[in-house]
Amino acid sequence: MPRVETRALKNALNVAKAKVRAVEGPARKDQDAAPIADAIRDYLDRGVLTFSIPAHGGGIGPAPEFAKWAGLETARADLPMSHGVDTRDRAWKVQATAQELFAAPT
């Protein structure tokens, strides 16, 4: 198989894997998992800068004004559960999974 076709197939596979991960989310239903911590790590790895209400800012864009004096990591520490650590409609079930695992008998 020519090198170009191999690269195109690998790229297509990576795109497909990313789409599956985006739908599944970071929460795993394993007793050794920490769904909220895993979701926070995933959020920070994505490099997104979003803010809780009432800031209503979000996405990847210029740093907010207060980050100039408070630091970018301070702004990134404002992790919204909805549309940040989890999806807006809570489809990843990060908090619900954490609560379920905590309540499960060991």
N, C-alpha and C. Protein backbone atom coordinates (compact mmCIF):
# COMPACT_ATOMS: atom_id res chain seq x y z
N MET A 1 0.85 -1.17 0.00
CA MET A 1 0.00 0.00 0.00
C MET A 1 0.90 1.24 0.00
N PRO A 2 0.62 2.18 -0.87
CA PRO A 2 1.43 3.40 -0.91
C PRO A 2 1.37 4.16 0.41
N ARG A 3 2.44 4.88 0.69
CA ARG A 3 2.57 5.61 1.95
C ARG A 3 1.45 6.64 2.15
N VAL A 4 1.02 7.30 1.08
CA VAL A 4 -0.03 8.32 1.17
C VAL A 4 -1.34 7.69 1.63
N GLU A 5 -1.67 6.51 1.06
CA GLU A 5 -2.90 5.82 1.46
C GLU A 5 -2.84 5.38 2.92
N THR A 6 -1.69 4.91 3.36
CA THR A 6 -1.52 4.49 4.75
C THR A 6 -1.73 5.68 5.68
N ARG A 7 -1.15 6.81 5.35
CA ARG A 7 -1.30 8.02 6.18
C ARG A 7 -2.77 8.45 6.22
N ALA A 8 -3.44 8.40 5.08
CA ALA A 8 -4.85 8.80 5.02
C ALA A 8 -5.71 7.86 5.88
N LEU A 9 -5.42 6.56 5.83
CA LEU A 9 -6.16 5.60 6.64
C LEU A 9 -5.91 5.84 8.13
N LYS A 10 -4.67 6.11 8.51
CA LYS A 10 -4.35 6.39 9.91
C LYS A 10 -5.07 7.65 10.38
N ASN A 11 -5.07 8.68 9.54
CA ASN A 11 -5.77 9.92 9.90
C ASN A 11 -7.26 9.67 10.08
N ALA A 12 -7.85 8.91 9.15
CA ALA A 12 -9.27 8.61 9.25
C ALA A 12 -9.58 7.81 10.51
N LEU A 13 -8.71 6.88 10.86
CA LEU A 13 -8.90 6.08 12.07
C LEU A 13 -8.81 6.97 13.31
N ASN A 14 -7.85 7.88 13.34
CA ASN A 14 -7.71 8.79 14.49
C ASN A 14 -8.92 9.70 14.63
N VAL A 15 -9.46 10.17 13.51
CA VAL A 15 -10.66 11.01 13.55
C VAL A 15 -11.83 10.21 14.11
N ALA A 16 -11.98 8.98 13.66
CA ALA A 16 -13.07 8.13 14.15
C ALA A 16 -12.92 7.85 15.65
N LYS A 17 -11.69 7.57 16.11
CA LYS A 17 -11.46 7.33 17.54
C LYS A 17 -11.79 8.58 18.36
N ALA A 18 -11.43 9.74 17.86
CA ALA A 18 -11.71 10.99 18.57
C ALA A 18 -13.22 11.22 18.69
N LYS A 19 -13.96 10.89 17.65
CA LYS A 19 -15.42 11.06 17.68
C LYS A 19 -16.04 10.11 18.70
N VAL A 20 -15.55 8.89 18.77
CA VAL A 20 -16.06 7.93 19.75
C VAL A 20 -15.76 8.41 21.16
N ARG A 21 -14.53 8.89 21.41
CA ARG A 21 -14.16 9.40 22.74
C ARG A 21 -15.01 10.60 23.11
N ALA A 22 -15.33 11.45 22.14
CA ALA A 22 -16.14 12.64 22.42
C ALA A 22 -17.55 12.25 22.85
N VAL A 23 -18.07 11.19 22.28
CA VAL A 23 -19.42 10.73 22.64
C VAL A 23 -19.39 9.99 23.97
N GLU A 24 -18.39 9.15 24.18
CA GLU A 24 -18.30 8.36 25.40
C GLU A 24 -17.97 9.20 26.61
N GLY A 25 -17.10 10.17 26.44
CA GLY A 25 -16.70 11.01 27.57
C GLY A 25 -15.65 10.33 28.43
N PRO A 26 -15.18 11.03 29.45
CA PRO A 26 -14.07 10.54 30.26
C PRO A 26 -14.47 9.65 31.43
N ALA A 27 -15.76 9.54 31.76
CA ALA A 27 -16.18 8.77 32.94
C ALA A 27 -16.22 7.28 32.62
N ARG A 28 -15.52 6.50 33.46
CA ARG A 28 -15.53 5.04 33.33
C ARG A 28 -16.25 4.44 34.52
N LYS A 29 -16.98 3.35 34.31
CA LYS A 29 -17.70 2.69 35.39
C LYS A 29 -16.88 1.55 35.98
N ASP A 30 -15.67 1.86 36.39
CA ASP A 30 -14.79 0.90 37.05
C ASP A 30 -14.60 1.36 38.48
N GLN A 31 -14.55 0.42 39.43
CA GLN A 31 -14.38 0.79 40.83
C GLN A 31 -13.05 1.50 41.06
N ASP A 32 -12.06 1.26 40.22
CA ASP A 32 -10.77 1.93 40.40
C ASP A 32 -10.73 3.30 39.73
N ALA A 33 -11.83 3.73 39.11
CA ALA A 33 -11.88 5.01 38.42
C ALA A 33 -12.26 6.14 39.39
N ALA A 34 -11.89 7.33 39.01
CA ALA A 34 -12.28 8.55 39.73
C ALA A 34 -12.92 9.46 38.69
N PRO A 35 -14.21 9.26 38.38
CA PRO A 35 -14.84 9.93 37.25
C PRO A 35 -14.67 11.45 37.23
N ILE A 36 -14.83 12.11 38.35
CA ILE A 36 -14.71 13.57 38.34
C ILE A 36 -13.27 13.98 38.12
N ALA A 37 -12.33 13.32 38.79
CA ALA A 37 -10.91 13.64 38.58
C ALA A 37 -10.49 13.32 37.14
N ASP A 38 -10.98 12.20 36.60
CA ASP A 38 -10.66 11.85 35.22
C ASP A 38 -11.22 12.90 34.25
N ALA A 39 -12.43 13.39 34.53
CA ALA A 39 -13.05 14.39 33.67
C ALA A 39 -12.31 15.73 33.77
N ILE A 40 -11.84 16.08 34.96
CA ILE A 40 -11.07 17.31 35.13
C ILE A 40 -9.76 17.21 34.34
N ARG A 41 -9.09 16.06 34.44
CA ARG A 41 -7.84 15.85 33.69
C ARG A 41 -8.11 15.96 32.19
N ASP A 42 -9.19 15.35 31.72
CA ASP A 42 -9.55 15.41 30.31
C ASP A 42 -9.83 16.85 29.89
N TYR A 43 -10.55 17.59 30.71
CA TYR A 43 -10.86 18.99 30.44
C TYR A 43 -9.59 19.81 30.30
N LEU A 44 -8.67 19.64 31.23
CA LEU A 44 -7.42 20.40 31.19
C LEU A 44 -6.56 20.00 30.00
N ASP A 45 -6.57 18.71 29.65
CA ASP A 45 -5.80 18.23 28.49
C ASP A 45 -6.33 18.81 27.18
N ARG A 46 -7.63 19.11 27.13
CA ARG A 46 -8.20 19.69 25.91
C ARG A 46 -7.77 21.13 25.71
N GLY A 47 -7.27 21.78 26.73
CA GLY A 47 -6.79 23.15 26.60
C GLY A 47 -7.91 24.17 26.45
N VAL A 48 -9.09 23.83 26.91
CA VAL A 48 -10.24 24.71 26.81
C VAL A 48 -10.21 25.70 27.97
N LEU A 49 -10.65 26.91 27.70
CA LEU A 49 -10.77 27.92 28.73
C LEU A 49 -12.21 28.39 28.73
N THR A 50 -12.98 27.95 29.71
CA THR A 50 -14.39 28.30 29.79
C THR A 50 -14.67 28.77 31.20
N PHE A 51 -15.79 29.42 31.40
CA PHE A 51 -16.08 30.00 32.71
C PHE A 51 -17.47 29.63 33.16
N SER A 52 -17.62 29.52 34.46
CA SER A 52 -18.94 29.26 35.03
C SER A 52 -19.79 30.52 34.95
N ILE A 53 -21.06 30.34 35.11
CA ILE A 53 -21.99 31.47 35.13
C ILE A 53 -21.58 32.36 36.29
N PRO A 54 -21.53 33.66 36.17
CA PRO A 54 -22.14 34.48 35.14
C PRO A 54 -21.20 34.89 34.02
N ALA A 55 -20.01 34.34 33.94
CA ALA A 55 -19.04 34.81 32.94
C ALA A 55 -19.48 34.50 31.51
N HIS A 56 -20.09 33.36 31.29
CA HIS A 56 -20.60 32.96 29.98
C HIS A 56 -19.57 32.98 28.87
N GLY A 57 -18.29 33.00 29.18
CA GLY A 57 -17.27 32.92 28.14
C GLY A 57 -16.97 31.45 27.89
N GLY A 58 -16.30 31.16 26.82
CA GLY A 58 -15.97 29.77 26.61
C GLY A 58 -15.21 29.53 25.34
N GLY A 59 -14.73 28.30 25.23
CA GLY A 59 -14.02 27.90 24.04
C GLY A 59 -12.55 28.24 24.12
N ILE A 60 -11.92 28.14 23.00
CA ILE A 60 -10.50 28.45 22.91
C ILE A 60 -10.40 29.82 22.26
N GLY A 61 -9.90 30.76 22.98
CA GLY A 61 -9.81 32.11 22.47
C GLY A 61 -8.85 32.91 23.31
N PRO A 62 -8.93 34.21 23.22
CA PRO A 62 -8.01 35.03 24.00
C PRO A 62 -8.25 34.86 25.50
N ALA A 63 -7.21 35.02 26.25
CA ALA A 63 -7.32 34.90 27.71
C ALA A 63 -8.15 36.06 28.24
N PRO A 64 -8.93 35.80 29.29
CA PRO A 64 -9.73 36.88 29.86
C PRO A 64 -8.84 37.93 30.52
N GLU A 65 -9.39 39.10 30.68
CA GLU A 65 -8.63 40.22 31.24
C GLU A 65 -8.05 39.90 32.62
N PHE A 66 -8.86 39.25 33.48
CA PHE A 66 -8.36 38.99 34.83
C PHE A 66 -7.20 38.01 34.85
N ALA A 67 -7.02 37.21 33.79
CA ALA A 67 -5.90 36.27 33.75
C ALA A 67 -4.56 36.99 33.67
N LYS A 68 -4.59 38.25 33.23
CA LYS A 68 -3.34 39.01 33.15
C LYS A 68 -2.76 39.25 34.54
N TRP A 69 -3.63 39.42 35.55
CA TRP A 69 -3.11 39.66 36.89
C TRP A 69 -3.27 38.44 37.79
N ALA A 70 -4.23 37.56 37.53
CA ALA A 70 -4.44 36.40 38.39
C ALA A 70 -3.73 35.16 37.86
N GLY A 71 -3.38 35.16 36.58
CA GLY A 71 -2.72 34.02 35.97
C GLY A 71 -3.70 33.14 35.20
N LEU A 72 -3.22 32.58 34.12
CA LEU A 72 -4.06 31.74 33.26
C LEU A 72 -4.53 30.49 33.99
N GLU A 73 -3.69 29.91 34.83
CA GLU A 73 -4.09 28.69 35.54
C GLU A 73 -5.24 28.97 36.52
N THR A 74 -5.30 30.18 37.05
CA THR A 74 -6.43 30.56 37.90
C THR A 74 -7.71 30.56 37.09
N ALA A 75 -7.65 31.09 35.89
CA ALA A 75 -8.83 31.10 35.02
C ALA A 75 -9.21 29.68 34.62
N ARG A 76 -8.23 28.85 34.36
CA ARG A 76 -8.52 27.47 33.96
C ARG A 76 -9.07 26.64 35.11
N ALA A 77 -8.84 27.07 36.36
CA ALA A 77 -9.32 26.32 37.52
C ALA A 77 -10.81 26.50 37.75
N ASP A 78 -11.44 27.43 37.04
CA ASP A 78 -12.88 27.65 37.15
C ASP A 78 -13.57 26.63 36.25
N LEU A 79 -13.70 25.41 36.75
CA LEU A 79 -14.21 24.31 35.94
C LEU A 79 -15.72 24.16 36.07
N PRO A 80 -16.46 24.45 35.03
CA PRO A 80 -17.90 24.22 35.10
C PRO A 80 -18.21 22.74 34.94
N MET A 81 -19.13 22.23 35.73
CA MET A 81 -19.52 20.83 35.60
C MET A 81 -20.24 20.62 34.27
N SER A 82 -21.13 21.56 33.93
CA SER A 82 -21.87 21.47 32.68
C SER A 82 -21.13 22.26 31.61
N HIS A 83 -20.91 21.64 30.48
CA HIS A 83 -20.20 22.25 29.34
C HIS A 83 -18.74 22.52 29.70
N GLY A 84 -18.14 21.55 30.32
CA GLY A 84 -16.74 21.64 30.72
C GLY A 84 -16.28 20.26 31.14
N VAL A 85 -16.50 19.95 32.41
CA VAL A 85 -16.14 18.64 32.93
C VAL A 85 -17.09 17.59 32.34
N ASP A 86 -18.32 17.98 32.10
CA ASP A 86 -19.31 17.12 31.43
C ASP A 86 -19.90 17.93 30.27
N THR A 87 -20.74 17.32 29.49
CA THR A 87 -21.40 18.04 28.40
C THR A 87 -22.54 18.87 28.97
N ARG A 88 -23.02 19.80 28.18
CA ARG A 88 -24.10 20.68 28.65
C ARG A 88 -25.31 19.87 29.12
N ASP A 89 -25.64 18.79 28.43
CA ASP A 89 -26.80 17.98 28.81
C ASP A 89 -26.41 16.80 29.72
N ARG A 90 -25.18 16.85 30.22
CA ARG A 90 -24.65 15.84 31.15
C ARG A 90 -24.65 14.43 30.54
N ALA A 91 -24.47 14.36 29.22
CA ALA A 91 -24.50 13.08 28.51
C ALA A 91 -23.38 12.13 28.92
N TRP A 92 -22.25 12.69 29.37
CA TRP A 92 -21.15 11.82 29.79
C TRP A 92 -21.40 11.21 31.15
N LYS A 93 -22.35 11.76 31.90
CA LYS A 93 -22.74 11.24 33.21
C LYS A 93 -21.58 11.17 34.20
N VAL A 94 -20.74 12.20 34.20
CA VAL A 94 -19.56 12.22 35.08
C VAL A 94 -19.97 12.18 36.55
N GLN A 95 -20.83 13.10 36.97
CA GLN A 95 -21.23 13.16 38.37
C GLN A 95 -22.07 11.95 38.74
N ALA A 96 -23.00 11.55 37.89
CA ALA A 96 -23.84 10.38 38.18
C ALA A 96 -22.99 9.12 38.30
N THR A 97 -21.99 8.96 37.45
CA THR A 97 -21.11 7.79 37.53
C THR A 97 -20.32 7.80 38.83
N ALA A 98 -19.82 8.98 39.21
CA ALA A 98 -19.08 9.08 40.47
C ALA A 98 -19.96 8.71 41.65
N GLN A 99 -21.19 9.20 41.66
CA GLN A 99 -22.11 8.89 42.75
C GLN A 99 -22.47 7.41 42.77
N GLU A 100 -22.69 6.83 41.60
CA GLU A 100 -23.00 5.40 41.51
C GLU A 100 -21.86 4.54 42.03
N LEU A 101 -20.63 4.87 41.64
CA LEU A 101 -19.48 4.10 42.09
C LEU A 101 -19.26 4.26 43.59
N PHE A 102 -19.50 5.45 44.11
CA PHE A 102 -19.33 5.69 45.54
C PHE A 102 -20.33 4.90 46.36
N ALA A 103 -21.56 4.77 45.85
CA ALA A 103 -22.62 4.08 46.58
C ALA A 103 -22.56 2.57 46.43
N ALA A 104 -21.83 2.09 45.44
CA ALA A 104 -21.78 0.63 45.19
C ALA A 104 -21.01 -0.08 46.29
N PRO A 105 -21.53 -1.23 46.70
CA PRO A 105 -20.79 -2.01 47.71
C PRO A 105 -19.49 -2.54 47.10
N THR A 106 -18.47 -2.61 47.91
CA THR A 106 -17.18 -3.10 47.40
C THR A 106 -17.01 -4.57 47.62
